[in-house]
Amino acid sequence: MASRRFGRLTTALALVELNEERGVFGPGPTPQAHVPQRVDRLLTAPDRLPARHRLRLTATAALVPVLPVLVALVPALRTLG
């Protein structure tokens, strides 16, 4: 939740600052050894959608505003034709 609100980099830096005095980031294993993995996870970029899926999603989003226009115009054009 904090990473969404304040950003991944800010949250990772806060974790490092809070835990560096404990020796969590030292060479030896400690009970708080999960903190470096959490920092690495916060700093890695989230997975992106494949290009084909992004293109399909963009095309669908572009067609959504056209739908109400079609719903209004198709019956009107049928009555005229």
C-alpha atoms as a PDB file:
ATOM      1  CA  MET A   1       0.000   0.000   0.000  1.00  0.00           C
ATOM      2  CA  ALA A   2       2.773   2.427   0.880  1.00  0.00           C
ATOM      3  CA  SER A   3       4.565   1.791  -2.409  1.00  0.00           C
ATOM      4  CA  ARG A   4       1.451   2.802  -4.344  1.00  0.00           C
ATOM      5  CA  ARG A   5       0.904   5.919  -2.283  1.00  0.00           C
ATOM      6  CA  PHE A   6       4.449   7.247  -2.010  1.00  0.00           C
ATOM      7  CA  GLY A   7       6.311   5.464  -4.786  1.00  0.00           C
ATOM      8  CA  ARG A   8       8.508   2.407  -4.925  1.00  0.00           C
ATOM      9  CA  LEU A   9      11.818   4.249  -4.670  1.00  0.00           C
ATOM     10  CA  THR A  10      10.739   6.276  -1.637  1.00  0.00           C
ATOM     11  CA  THR A  11       9.515   3.156   0.158  1.00  0.00           C
ATOM     12  CA  ALA A  12      12.719   1.247  -0.649  1.00  0.00           C
ATOM     13  CA  LEU A  13      14.863   4.122   0.618  1.00  0.00           C
ATOM     14  CA  ALA A  14      12.801   4.299   3.807  1.00  0.00           C
ATOM     15  CA  LEU A  15      13.294   0.553   4.382  1.00  0.00           C
ATOM     16  CA  VAL A  16      17.044   0.928   3.912  1.00  0.00           C
ATOM     17  CA  GLU A  17      17.259   3.919   6.255  1.00  0.00           C
ATOM     18  CA  LEU A  18      15.192   2.230   8.947  1.00  0.00           C
ATOM     19  CA  ASN A  19      17.173  -0.997   8.878  1.00  0.00           C
ATOM     20  CA  GLU A  20      20.779  -0.015   8.108  1.00  0.00           C
ATOM     21  CA  GLU A  21      21.595   0.543  11.800  1.00  0.00           C
ATOM     22  CA  ARG A  22      20.494  -3.017  12.596  1.00  0.00           C
ATOM     23  CA  GLY A  23      23.080  -4.444  10.239  1.00  0.00           C
ATOM     24  CA  VAL A  24      20.463  -5.995   8.002  1.00  0.00           C
ATOM     25  CA  PHE A  25      22.436  -5.165   4.865  1.00  0.00           C
ATOM     26  CA  GLY A  26      25.696  -6.601   6.167  1.00  0.00           C
ATOM     27  CA  PRO A  27      27.560  -9.607   4.746  1.00  0.00           C
ATOM     28  CA  GLY A  28      26.321 -12.100   7.357  1.00  0.00           C
ATOM     29  CA  PRO A  29      22.802 -13.548   7.603  1.00  0.00           C
ATOM     30  CA  THR A  30      20.566 -11.946  10.190  1.00  0.00           C
ATOM     31  CA  PRO A  31      17.029 -12.638  11.389  1.00  0.00           C
ATOM     32  CA  GLN A  32      15.849  -9.641   9.325  1.00  0.00           C
ATOM     33  CA  ALA A  33      17.388 -11.012   6.107  1.00  0.00           C
ATOM     34  CA  HIS A  34      14.081 -10.586   4.255  1.00  0.00           C
ATOM     35  CA  VAL A  35      14.515  -6.802   4.125  1.00  0.00           C
ATOM     36  CA  PRO A  36      17.086  -6.765   1.261  1.00  0.00           C
ATOM     37  CA  GLN A  37      14.763  -8.940  -0.839  1.00  0.00           C
ATOM     38  CA  ARG A  38      11.891  -6.559  -0.144  1.00  0.00           C
ATOM     39  CA  VAL A  39      14.017  -3.599  -1.232  1.00  0.00           C
ATOM     40  CA  ASP A  40      15.058  -5.430  -4.417  1.00  0.00           C
ATOM     41  CA  ARG A  41      11.424  -6.275  -5.153  1.00  0.00           C
ATOM     42  CA  LEU A  42      10.399  -2.636  -4.711  1.00  0.00           C
ATOM     43  CA  LEU A  43      13.155  -1.409  -7.012  1.00  0.00           C
ATOM     44  CA  THR A  44      12.466  -3.859  -9.850  1.00  0.00           C
ATOM     45  CA  ALA A  45      10.042  -2.665 -12.487  1.00  0.00           C
ATOM     46  CA  PRO A  46       6.624  -4.315 -12.567  1.00  0.00           C
ATOM     47  CA  ASP A  47       5.926  -6.712 -15.423  1.00  0.00           C
ATOM     48  CA  ARG A  48       4.450  -5.130 -18.533  1.00  0.00           C
ATOM     49  CA  LEU A  49       1.698  -6.535 -20.677  1.00  0.00           C
ATOM     50  CA  PRO A  50       2.769  -8.125 -23.965  1.00  0.00           C
ATOM     51  CA  ALA A  51       2.672  -5.807 -26.997  1.00  0.00           C
ATOM     52  CA  ARG A  52      -0.254  -7.639 -28.589  1.00  0.00           C
ATOM     53  CA  HIS A  53      -2.318  -7.366 -25.414  1.00  0.00           C
ATOM     54  CA  ARG A  54      -1.487  -3.643 -25.032  1.00  0.00           C
ATOM     55  CA  LEU A  55      -2.519  -3.006 -28.633  1.00  0.00           C
ATOM     56  CA  ARG A  56      -5.803  -4.858 -28.184  1.00  0.00           C
ATOM     57  CA  LEU A  57      -6.500  -2.976 -24.960  1.00  0.00           C
ATOM     58  CA  THR A  58      -5.765   0.369 -26.652  1.00  0.00           C
ATOM     59  CA  ALA A  59      -8.033  -0.457 -29.584  1.00  0.00           C
ATOM     60  CA  THR A  60     -10.856  -1.450 -27.252  1.00  0.00           C
ATOM     61  CA  ALA A  61     -10.439   1.733 -25.221  1.00  0.00           C
ATOM     62  CA  ALA A  62     -10.501   3.814 -28.414  1.00  0.00           C
ATOM     63  CA  LEU A  63     -13.758   2.187 -29.561  1.00  0.00           C
ATOM     64  CA  VAL A  64     -15.630   2.629 -26.279  1.00  0.00           C
ATOM     65  CA  PRO A  65     -16.539   6.325 -26.906  1.00  0.00           C
ATOM     66  CA  VAL A  66     -17.885   5.407 -30.371  1.00  0.00           C
ATOM     67  CA  LEU A  67     -20.428   2.957 -28.950  1.00  0.00           C
ATOM     68  CA  PRO A  68     -22.999   5.526 -27.690  1.00  0.00           C
ATOM     69  CA  VAL A  69     -22.812   7.358 -31.017  1.00  0.00           C
ATOM     70  CA  LEU A  70     -23.572   4.146 -32.890  1.00  0.00           C
ATOM     71  CA  VAL A  71     -26.439   3.317 -30.543  1.00  0.00           C
ATOM     72  CA  ALA A  72     -27.967   6.729 -31.252  1.00  0.00           C
ATOM     73  CA  LEU A  73     -27.294   6.897 -35.008  1.00  0.00           C
ATOM     74  CA  VAL A  74     -28.137   3.386 -36.217  1.00  0.00           C
ATOM     75  CA  PRO A  75     -31.889   3.583 -35.407  1.00  0.00           C
ATOM     76  CA  ALA A  76     -32.046   7.102 -36.857  1.00  0.00           C
ATOM     77  CA  LEU A  77     -30.389   5.996 -40.098  1.00  0.00           C
ATOM     78  CA  ARG A  78     -32.754   3.010 -40.367  1.00  0.00           C
ATOM     79  CA  THR A  79     -35.797   5.236 -40.122  1.00  0.00           C
ATOM     80  CA  LEU A  80     -34.433   7.542 -42.827  1.00  0.00           C
ATOM     81  CA  GLY A  81     -33.411   4.713 -45.142  1.00  0.00           C
END
